[in-house]
C-alpha atoms as a PDB file:
ATOM      1  CA  MET A   1      91.973 135.862 295.382  1.00  0.00           C
ATOM      2  CA  HIS A   2      94.974 133.921 294.206  1.00  0.00           C
ATOM      3  CA  ARG A   3      93.324 132.621 291.176  1.00  0.00           C
ATOM      4  CA  SER A   4      92.416 136.328 290.373  1.00  0.00           C
ATOM      5  CA  VAL A   5      96.076 137.529 290.618  1.00  0.00           C
ATOM      6  CA  ALA A   6      97.306 134.551 288.429  1.00  0.00           C
ATOM      7  CA  ALA A   7      94.523 134.980 285.690  1.00  0.00           C
ATOM      8  CA  ILE A   8      95.480 138.973 285.783  1.00  0.00           C
ATOM      9  CA  THR A   9      99.428 137.724 285.565  1.00  0.00           C
ATOM     10  CA  LEU A  10      99.088 135.496 282.789  1.00  0.00           C
ATOM     11  CA  LEU A  11      96.737 137.986 281.056  1.00  0.00           C
ATOM     12  CA  ALA A  12      99.335 140.420 281.191  1.00  0.00           C
ATOM     13  CA  ALA A  13     102.026 138.037 280.070  1.00  0.00           C
ATOM     14  CA  VAL A  14      99.908 137.080 276.987  1.00  0.00           C
ATOM     15  CA  LEU A  15      99.012 140.336 275.915  1.00  0.00           C
ATOM     16  CA  PHE A  16     102.717 141.519 276.556  1.00  0.00           C
ATOM     17  CA  HIS A  17     103.835 138.538 274.370  1.00  0.00           C
ATOM     18  CA  ALA A  18     101.358 139.479 271.745  1.00  0.00           C
ATOM     19  CA  SER A  19     102.483 143.031 271.560  1.00  0.00           C
ATOM     20  CA  ALA A  20     106.098 142.004 271.362  1.00  0.00           C
ATOM     21  CA  LEU A  21     104.960 139.893 268.321  1.00  0.00           C
ATOM     22  CA  SER A  22     103.107 142.633 266.587  1.00  0.00           C
ATOM     23  CA  GLN A  23     105.951 145.268 266.425  1.00  0.00           C
ATOM     24  CA  LYS A  24     108.260 143.478 264.251  1.00  0.00           C
ATOM     25  CA  ARG A  25     111.567 145.239 263.625  1.00  0.00           C
ATOM     26  CA  ALA A  26     111.700 146.775 259.740  1.00  0.00           C
ATOM     27  CA  PRO A  27     114.367 145.224 257.779  1.00  0.00           C
ATOM     28  CA  GLY A  28     116.868 147.098 256.249  1.00  0.00           C
ATOM     29  CA  LEU A  29     115.773 148.828 252.699  1.00  0.00           C
ATOM     30  CA  SER A  30     118.816 150.948 250.885  1.00  0.00           C
ATOM     31  CA  LEU A  31     117.477 151.608 246.975  1.00  0.00           C
ATOM     32  CA  LYS A  32     117.966 154.365 244.784  1.00  0.00           C
ATOM     33  CA  THR A  33     115.732 156.834 243.182  1.00  0.00           C
ATOM     34  CA  SER A  34     115.981 157.039 239.229  1.00  0.00           C
ATOM     35  CA  GLU A  35     118.178 160.621 239.841  1.00  0.00           C
ATOM     36  CA  GLY A  36     120.423 158.274 242.172  1.00  0.00           C
ATOM     37  CA  VAL A  37     119.427 159.316 245.549  1.00  0.00           C
ATOM     38  CA  VAL A  38     119.772 157.022 248.284  1.00  0.00           C
ATOM     39  CA  VAL A  39     116.782 156.238 250.062  1.00  0.00           C
ATOM     40  CA  ASP A  40     117.973 154.554 253.492  1.00  0.00           C
ATOM     41  CA  LEU A  41     115.031 153.079 255.701  1.00  0.00           C
ATOM     42  CA  ALA A  42     117.736 153.381 258.502  1.00  0.00           C
ATOM     43  CA  LYS A  43     118.248 156.908 258.455  1.00  0.00           C
ATOM     44  CA  LEU A  44     114.572 158.050 258.878  1.00  0.00           C
ATOM     45  CA  LYS A  45     114.462 156.611 262.300  1.00  0.00           C
ATOM     46  CA  GLY A  46     112.153 159.058 263.971  1.00  0.00           C
ATOM     47  CA  LYS A  47     109.728 159.392 261.125  1.00  0.00           C
ATOM     48  CA  VAL A  48     106.405 157.255 260.481  1.00  0.00           C
ATOM     49  CA  VAL A  49     107.432 155.672 257.050  1.00  0.00           C
ATOM     50  CA  VAL A  50     104.787 154.199 254.790  1.00  0.00           C
ATOM     51  CA  VAL A  51     106.875 151.403 252.363  1.00  0.00           C
ATOM     52  CA  ASN A  52     104.600 150.488 249.451  1.00  0.00           C
ATOM     53  CA  PHE A  53     105.174 147.945 247.031  1.00  0.00           C
ATOM     54  CA  TRP A  54     103.939 148.238 243.816  1.00  0.00           C
ATOM     55  CA  ALA A  55     104.269 148.648 239.892  1.00  0.00           C
ATOM     56  CA  THR A  56     103.052 150.273 237.042  1.00  0.00           C
ATOM     57  CA  TRP A  57     100.889 147.416 235.611  1.00  0.00           C
ATOM     58  CA  CYS A  58      99.120 146.893 238.801  1.00  0.00           C
ATOM     59  CA  GLY A  59      95.590 148.495 238.383  1.00  0.00           C
ATOM     60  CA  PRO A  60      95.243 148.837 242.335  1.00  0.00           C
ATOM     61  CA  CYS A  61      98.755 149.907 242.659  1.00  0.00           C
ATOM     62  CA  ARG A  62      97.903 152.741 240.356  1.00  0.00           C
ATOM     63  CA  ALA A  63      94.468 153.504 241.930  1.00  0.00           C
ATOM     64  CA  GLU A  64      96.010 154.348 245.315  1.00  0.00           C
ATOM     65  CA  ILE A  65      98.736 156.345 244.042  1.00  0.00           C
ATOM     66  CA  PRO A  66      96.831 159.558 244.193  1.00  0.00           C
ATOM     67  CA  ALA A  67      95.678 159.105 248.049  1.00  0.00           C
ATOM     68  CA  PHE A  68      99.213 158.279 248.716  1.00  0.00           C
ATOM     69  CA  MET A  69     100.541 161.510 247.462  1.00  0.00           C
ATOM     70  CA  GLU A  70      97.645 163.732 248.850  1.00  0.00           C
ATOM     71  CA  VAL A  71      98.506 162.202 252.598  1.00  0.00           C
ATOM     72  CA  TYR A  72     102.093 162.590 251.877  1.00  0.00           C
ATOM     73  CA  ASP A  73     101.836 166.017 250.855  1.00  0.00           C
ATOM     74  CA  ARG A  74      99.529 166.916 253.782  1.00  0.00           C
ATOM     75  CA  TYR A  75     101.512 164.446 256.708  1.00  0.00           C
ATOM     76  CA  ARG A  76     105.276 164.950 255.531  1.00  0.00           C
ATOM     77  CA  LYS A  77     106.222 168.262 257.508  1.00  0.00           C
ATOM     78  CA  GLN A  78     104.744 166.087 260.615  1.00  0.00           C
ATOM     79  CA  GLY A  79     107.533 163.573 260.141  1.00  0.00           C
ATOM     80  CA  VAL A  80     105.757 161.054 257.658  1.00  0.00           C
ATOM     81  CA  GLU A  81     108.039 159.648 254.560  1.00  0.00           C
ATOM     82  CA  ILE A  82     106.636 157.642 251.988  1.00  0.00           C
ATOM     83  CA  ILE A  83     108.666 154.899 249.805  1.00  0.00           C
ATOM     84  CA  GLY A  84     107.376 153.492 246.805  1.00  0.00           C
ATOM     85  CA  VAL A  85     109.317 150.399 245.701  1.00  0.00           C
ATOM     86  CA  SER A  86     108.298 149.040 242.483  1.00  0.00           C
ATOM     87  CA  LEU A  87     108.570 145.874 241.619  1.00  0.00           C
ATOM     88  CA  ASP A  88     108.638 146.387 237.760  1.00  0.00           C
ATOM     89  CA  GLU A  89     111.009 144.068 235.817  1.00  0.00           C
ATOM     90  CA  GLY A  90     111.623 146.486 233.259  1.00  0.00           C
ATOM     91  CA  GLY A  91     113.289 148.766 235.628  1.00  0.00           C
ATOM     92  CA  TRP A  92     113.853 152.518 235.512  1.00  0.00           C
ATOM     93  CA  GLU A  93     112.496 152.494 231.728  1.00  0.00           C
ATOM     94  CA  ASP A  94     109.072 151.354 232.709  1.00  0.00           C
ATOM     95  CA  ILE A  95     108.893 153.630 236.256  1.00  0.00           C
ATOM     96  CA  THR A  96     110.594 156.960 235.205  1.00  0.00           C
ATOM     97  CA  PRO A  97     107.948 157.841 232.506  1.00  0.00           C
ATOM     98  CA  PHE A  98     104.972 156.759 234.599  1.00  0.00           C
ATOM     99  CA  VAL A  99     106.590 158.677 237.858  1.00  0.00           C
ATOM    100  CA  LYS A 100     106.908 161.682 235.827  1.00  0.00           C
ATOM    101  CA  ARG A 101     103.607 161.459 234.092  1.00  0.00           C
ATOM    102  CA  TYR A 102     101.416 160.956 237.453  1.00  0.00           C
ATOM    103  CA  GLN A 103     104.005 163.495 239.136  1.00  0.00           C
ATOM    104  CA  ILE A 104     104.543 161.105 241.956  1.00  0.00           C
ATOM    105  CA  SER A 105     105.867 163.377 245.053  1.00  0.00           C
ATOM    106  CA  TYR A 106     107.008 160.842 247.284  1.00  0.00           C
ATOM    107  CA  SER A 107     110.156 158.665 247.019  1.00  0.00           C
ATOM    108  CA  VAL A 108     110.161 156.108 244.272  1.00  0.00           C
ATOM    109  CA  VAL A 109     113.068 153.183 244.234  1.00  0.00           C
ATOM    110  CA  LEU A 110     113.352 150.225 242.176  1.00  0.00           C
ATOM    111  CA  GLY A 111     113.231 146.992 244.451  1.00  0.00           C
ATOM    112  CA  ASN A 112     113.772 143.254 243.114  1.00  0.00           C
ATOM    113  CA  ALA A 113     113.299 139.580 244.343  1.00  0.00           C
ATOM    114  CA  LYS A 114     115.704 139.833 246.845  1.00  0.00           C
ATOM    115  CA  VAL A 115     113.939 143.157 248.545  1.00  0.00           C
ATOM    116  CA  SER A 116     110.631 141.265 248.296  1.00  0.00           C
ATOM    117  CA  ARG A 117     112.324 138.153 250.137  1.00  0.00           C
ATOM    118  CA  THR A 118     113.770 140.186 252.965  1.00  0.00           C
ATOM    119  CA  TRP A 119     110.332 142.194 253.594  1.00  0.00           C
ATOM    120  CA  GLY A 120     108.743 138.480 253.787  1.00  0.00           C
ATOM    121  CA  GLY A 121     108.275 137.552 250.483  1.00  0.00           C
ATOM    122  CA  ILE A 122     105.439 139.877 248.696  1.00  0.00           C
ATOM    123  CA  GLU A 123     103.214 137.616 247.283  1.00  0.00           C
ATOM    124  CA  ALA A 124     100.594 140.301 246.040  1.00  0.00           C
ATOM    125  CA  ILE A 125     100.797 144.232 245.071  1.00  0.00           C
ATOM    126  CA  PRO A 126     100.060 146.655 246.432  1.00  0.00           C
ATOM    127  CA  THR A 127     101.422 145.578 249.900  1.00  0.00           C
ATOM    128  CA  THR A 128     101.900 148.108 252.524  1.00  0.00           C
ATOM    129  CA  PHE A 129     104.042 148.364 255.552  1.00  0.00           C
ATOM    130  CA  ILE A 130     103.525 151.093 258.239  1.00  0.00           C
ATOM    131  CA  ILE A 131     106.629 151.443 260.193  1.00  0.00           C
ATOM    132  CA  ASP A 132     106.405 153.703 263.562  1.00  0.00           C
ATOM    133  CA  LYS A 133     109.308 155.813 264.243  1.00  0.00           C
ATOM    134  CA  ASN A 134     111.087 153.575 266.529  1.00  0.00           C
ATOM    135  CA  GLY A 135     111.568 151.705 263.393  1.00  0.00           C
ATOM    136  CA  ASN A 136     109.090 148.748 263.952  1.00  0.00           C
ATOM    137  CA  ILE A 137     106.389 147.625 261.478  1.00  0.00           C
ATOM    138  CA  VAL A 138     103.219 147.970 262.948  1.00  0.00           C
ATOM    139  CA  ASP A 139     100.947 147.562 260.161  1.00  0.00           C
ATOM    140  CA  GLN A 140     101.041 145.349 256.969  1.00  0.00           C
ATOM    141  CA  HIS A 141      97.792 145.762 254.598  1.00  0.00           C
ATOM    142  CA  VAL A 142      97.571 143.731 251.249  1.00  0.00           C
ATOM    143  CA  GLY A 143      95.534 145.053 248.500  1.00  0.00           C
ATOM    144  CA  MET A 144      94.715 148.762 247.801  1.00  0.00           C
ATOM    145  CA  LEU A 145      94.867 151.337 251.001  1.00  0.00           C
ATOM    146  CA  SER A 146      92.166 154.132 251.083  1.00  0.00           C
ATOM    147  CA  LYS A 147      93.166 157.838 252.174  1.00  0.00           C
ATOM    148  CA  ASP A 148      91.046 157.466 254.912  1.00  0.00           C
ATOM    149  CA  ALA A 149      92.509 154.136 256.020  1.00  0.00           C
ATOM    150  CA  LEU A 150      95.944 155.241 255.786  1.00  0.00           C
ATOM    151  CA  THR A 151      95.351 158.554 257.060  1.00  0.00           C
ATOM    152  CA  ALA A 152      94.146 156.948 260.223  1.00  0.00           C
ATOM    153  CA  LYS A 153      96.959 154.247 260.644  1.00  0.00           C
ATOM    154  CA  LEU A 154      99.520 157.394 260.213  1.00  0.00           C
ATOM    155  CA  LYS A 155      97.528 159.759 262.581  1.00  0.00           C
ATOM    156  CA  ALA A 156      97.653 157.032 265.432  1.00  0.00           C
ATOM    157  CA  LEU A 157     101.637 157.060 265.149  1.00  0.00           C
ATOM    158  CA  LEU A 158     101.771 160.860 265.085  1.00  0.00           C
END
């Protein structure tokens, strides 16, 4: 009996510790769009936020944009925000025409090496973080994220 109680207590402690580790606080993010609007992650607390690191020259990044727009347009009224953090070295000269051509409906900001380091060192793009309403990173996905996978991740948090 005592072993059972000890085993259950140990299991509960391990699960609690694993849960705490899996919910890492999202780092700060405060960047401007091409129109000069500041997108500040801290001000989005209470919403489910998708932070997607991408670039205009990245094929998988371009391929997932229509799905991200569709999901954003469908769920933004339920408290979903998407922030596209472009890592294009050409800056707004590369990004602005791309955003206009694809009519990207969610916020697009310009990132840099410092932002990448702050988010753990983005080593491959696209890299997508899902942040819960409390500001915790609950998922990180490296590579292209399908509409179905993104939708499932968001629905679980709404």
